[in-house]
N, C-alpha and C. Protein backbone atom coordinates (compact mmCIF):
# COMPACT_ATOMS: atom_id res chain seq x y z
N MET A 1 -8.25 -4.26 22.14
CA MET A 1 -7.13 -4.60 21.16
C MET A 1 -7.76 -5.04 19.84
N ILE A 2 -7.13 -4.61 18.79
CA ILE A 2 -7.54 -5.02 17.47
C ILE A 2 -7.32 -6.47 17.29
N LYS A 3 -8.27 -7.14 16.63
CA LYS A 3 -8.14 -8.65 16.43
C LYS A 3 -7.97 -8.82 14.96
N ILE A 4 -6.96 -9.52 14.46
CA ILE A 4 -6.68 -9.78 13.11
C ILE A 4 -6.49 -11.40 12.93
N ASP A 5 -7.30 -11.95 12.08
CA ASP A 5 -7.27 -13.37 11.82
C ASP A 5 -6.96 -13.58 10.34
N PHE A 6 -6.15 -14.60 10.10
CA PHE A 6 -5.91 -15.11 8.71
C PHE A 6 -6.57 -16.43 8.65
N LYS A 7 -7.35 -16.64 7.64
CA LYS A 7 -8.04 -17.93 7.53
C LYS A 7 -7.71 -18.62 6.20
N PHE A 8 -6.71 -19.35 6.16
CA PHE A 8 -6.36 -20.18 5.04
C PHE A 8 -5.12 -20.96 5.37
N ASN A 9 -4.95 -22.09 4.75
CA ASN A 9 -3.78 -22.92 4.95
C ASN A 9 -2.53 -22.19 4.32
N ALA A 10 -1.44 -22.30 5.10
CA ALA A 10 -0.20 -21.63 4.72
C ALA A 10 1.05 -22.42 4.97
N ASN A 11 2.04 -22.23 4.14
CA ASN A 11 3.37 -22.91 4.43
C ASN A 11 4.08 -21.96 5.43
N ASP A 12 5.34 -22.33 5.78
CA ASP A 12 6.10 -21.58 6.74
C ASP A 12 6.45 -20.09 6.34
N ILE A 13 6.81 -20.06 5.10
CA ILE A 13 7.08 -18.66 4.48
C ILE A 13 5.82 -17.82 4.49
N GLU A 14 4.75 -18.31 4.08
CA GLU A 14 3.45 -17.58 4.05
C GLU A 14 3.10 -17.22 5.47
N LYS A 15 3.25 -18.06 6.40
CA LYS A 15 2.89 -17.75 7.81
C LYS A 15 3.76 -16.57 8.33
N ALA A 16 5.03 -16.56 7.94
CA ALA A 16 5.88 -15.41 8.27
C ALA A 16 5.43 -14.17 7.72
N VAL A 17 5.03 -14.20 6.35
CA VAL A 17 4.55 -13.03 5.73
C VAL A 17 3.20 -12.60 6.40
N MET A 18 2.38 -13.52 6.75
CA MET A 18 1.10 -13.05 7.38
C MET A 18 1.34 -12.49 8.75
N GLN A 19 2.34 -13.02 9.53
CA GLN A 19 2.71 -12.41 10.76
C GLN A 19 3.12 -10.99 10.59
N ALA A 20 3.99 -10.73 9.63
CA ALA A 20 4.54 -9.40 9.27
C ALA A 20 3.35 -8.46 8.88
N ALA A 21 2.51 -9.02 8.05
CA ALA A 21 1.30 -8.21 7.58
C ALA A 21 0.32 -7.87 8.77
N SER A 22 0.17 -8.75 9.59
CA SER A 22 -0.68 -8.63 10.87
C SER A 22 -0.08 -7.51 11.74
N GLU A 23 1.21 -7.58 11.92
CA GLU A 23 1.88 -6.48 12.72
C GLU A 23 1.82 -5.14 12.12
N GLU A 24 1.89 -5.09 10.74
CA GLU A 24 1.79 -3.81 10.08
C GLU A 24 0.43 -3.22 10.09
N ILE A 25 -0.57 -4.07 9.84
CA ILE A 25 -1.99 -3.67 9.92
C ILE A 25 -2.35 -3.21 11.43
N ALA A 26 -1.91 -3.95 12.48
CA ALA A 26 -2.10 -3.62 13.78
C ALA A 26 -1.52 -2.25 14.10
N SER A 27 -0.32 -1.96 13.60
CA SER A 27 0.33 -0.68 14.00
C SER A 27 -0.49 0.47 13.26
N LEU A 28 -1.09 0.24 12.21
CA LEU A 28 -1.91 1.30 11.54
C LEU A 28 -3.12 1.63 12.23
N VAL A 29 -3.77 0.66 12.87
CA VAL A 29 -5.10 0.77 13.40
C VAL A 29 -5.26 0.50 14.91
N LYS A 30 -4.10 0.25 15.55
CA LYS A 30 -4.25 -0.12 16.97
C LYS A 30 -4.85 0.83 17.83
N ASN A 31 -4.76 2.11 17.56
CA ASN A 31 -5.40 3.12 18.41
C ASN A 31 -6.78 3.49 17.98
N VAL A 32 -7.40 2.91 16.98
CA VAL A 32 -8.66 3.29 16.50
C VAL A 32 -9.73 2.45 17.38
N ARG A 33 -10.46 3.26 18.11
CA ARG A 33 -11.55 2.80 18.93
C ARG A 33 -12.84 3.52 18.50
N CYS A 34 -13.90 2.90 18.68
CA CYS A 34 -15.18 3.64 18.40
C CYS A 34 -15.35 4.61 19.52
N PRO A 35 -15.61 5.98 19.11
CA PRO A 35 -15.75 6.95 20.15
C PRO A 35 -17.10 6.83 20.91
N GLU A 36 -18.08 6.10 20.30
CA GLU A 36 -19.32 6.05 21.04
C GLU A 36 -19.37 4.74 21.91
N HIS A 37 -18.81 3.68 21.42
CA HIS A 37 -18.95 2.33 22.11
C HIS A 37 -17.64 1.91 22.76
N GLY A 38 -16.56 2.52 22.39
CA GLY A 38 -15.28 2.11 23.04
C GLY A 38 -14.68 0.75 22.54
N GLU A 39 -15.29 0.25 21.35
CA GLU A 39 -14.83 -0.98 20.88
C GLU A 39 -13.80 -0.90 19.82
N TYR A 40 -13.00 -2.07 19.60
CA TYR A 40 -12.04 -2.13 18.56
C TYR A 40 -12.67 -2.83 17.32
N ALA A 41 -12.06 -2.75 16.25
CA ALA A 41 -12.50 -3.47 15.09
C ALA A 41 -11.92 -4.87 15.03
N ARG A 42 -12.50 -5.74 14.20
CA ARG A 42 -12.01 -7.04 13.87
C ARG A 42 -11.67 -7.13 12.38
N ILE A 43 -10.57 -7.61 12.07
CA ILE A 43 -10.18 -7.74 10.68
C ILE A 43 -9.94 -9.26 10.34
N VAL A 44 -10.61 -9.78 9.39
CA VAL A 44 -10.42 -11.20 8.98
C VAL A 44 -9.97 -11.21 7.59
N ALA A 45 -8.80 -11.85 7.34
CA ALA A 45 -8.34 -12.06 5.98
C ALA A 45 -8.52 -13.50 5.68
N SER A 46 -9.13 -13.73 4.49
CA SER A 46 -9.40 -15.10 4.03
C SER A 46 -9.14 -15.24 2.55
N GLY A 47 -8.84 -16.40 2.11
CA GLY A 47 -8.59 -16.64 0.73
C GLY A 47 -7.97 -18.12 0.48
N ARG A 48 -7.72 -18.35 -0.77
CA ARG A 48 -7.13 -19.63 -1.11
C ARG A 48 -5.64 -19.63 -0.96
N SER A 49 -5.06 -18.40 -1.18
CA SER A 49 -3.57 -18.33 -1.00
C SER A 49 -3.25 -16.90 -0.72
N MET A 50 -1.95 -16.64 -0.54
CA MET A 50 -1.45 -15.23 -0.31
C MET A 50 -1.80 -14.32 -1.47
N ASN A 51 -1.96 -14.86 -2.57
CA ASN A 51 -2.19 -14.03 -3.82
C ASN A 51 -3.75 -13.76 -3.98
N ASP A 52 -4.47 -14.35 -3.17
CA ASP A 52 -5.92 -14.31 -3.30
C ASP A 52 -6.59 -14.07 -1.94
N ILE A 53 -6.41 -12.89 -1.36
CA ILE A 53 -6.85 -12.65 -0.05
C ILE A 53 -7.92 -11.47 -0.11
N ASP A 54 -8.93 -11.73 0.71
CA ASP A 54 -10.07 -10.73 0.91
C ASP A 54 -9.93 -10.34 2.32
N PHE A 55 -10.13 -9.06 2.54
CA PHE A 55 -10.10 -8.57 3.95
C PHE A 55 -11.55 -8.12 4.40
N GLU A 56 -12.10 -8.58 5.46
CA GLU A 56 -13.33 -8.11 5.95
C GLU A 56 -13.18 -7.40 7.30
N ILE A 57 -13.66 -6.22 7.38
CA ILE A 57 -13.53 -5.39 8.55
C ILE A 57 -14.95 -5.41 9.33
N SER A 58 -14.96 -5.66 10.46
CA SER A 58 -16.20 -5.50 11.23
C SER A 58 -15.94 -4.82 12.54
N GLY A 59 -17.13 -4.26 13.06
CA GLY A 59 -17.04 -3.46 14.34
C GLY A 59 -18.41 -3.20 14.81
N CYS A 60 -18.51 -2.50 15.90
CA CYS A 60 -19.75 -2.16 16.53
C CYS A 60 -20.67 -1.32 15.74
N CYS A 61 -20.09 -0.47 14.82
CA CYS A 61 -20.90 0.47 14.04
C CYS A 61 -20.12 0.87 12.76
N ASP A 62 -20.83 1.44 11.87
CA ASP A 62 -20.28 1.88 10.57
C ASP A 62 -19.13 3.01 10.80
N LYS A 63 -19.26 3.79 11.79
CA LYS A 63 -18.25 4.83 12.12
C LYS A 63 -16.86 4.17 12.29
N LEU A 64 -16.81 3.07 13.13
CA LEU A 64 -15.64 2.42 13.43
C LEU A 64 -14.99 1.75 12.18
N VAL A 65 -15.92 1.06 11.45
CA VAL A 65 -15.42 0.37 10.22
C VAL A 65 -14.90 1.28 9.29
N ASP A 66 -15.60 2.44 9.07
CA ASP A 66 -15.13 3.54 8.15
C ASP A 66 -13.76 4.04 8.51
N GLU A 67 -13.59 4.35 9.81
CA GLU A 67 -12.33 4.85 10.34
C GLU A 67 -11.22 3.85 10.03
N VAL A 68 -11.41 2.63 10.30
CA VAL A 68 -10.40 1.55 10.11
C VAL A 68 -10.02 1.54 8.57
N LYS A 69 -11.07 1.53 7.72
CA LYS A 69 -10.80 1.51 6.36
C LYS A 69 -9.94 2.74 5.89
N ARG A 70 -10.24 3.84 6.44
CA ARG A 70 -9.59 5.05 6.12
C ARG A 70 -8.10 5.01 6.51
N LYS A 71 -7.77 4.40 7.69
CA LYS A 71 -6.45 4.30 8.12
C LYS A 71 -5.58 3.31 7.30
N LEU A 72 -6.29 2.36 6.68
CA LEU A 72 -5.65 1.31 5.95
C LEU A 72 -5.38 1.66 4.47
N ARG A 73 -5.90 2.82 4.07
CA ARG A 73 -5.73 3.25 2.68
C ARG A 73 -4.38 3.69 2.40
């Protein structure tokens, strides 16, 4: 299963937005698994606020990371 983490302090409204964003991201990439290793990607969103978020995608290999990035475009 895809793992999506948000790493910053948030108020209740921002938490609701993060939950909705997490569900949307998961729906786009939930079926993406590495064909060679069978692993799922991990997505970490971090920043100082909802207006300043950086996403980091990691996985077992570059093929998996590239496929997740392609799905999220």
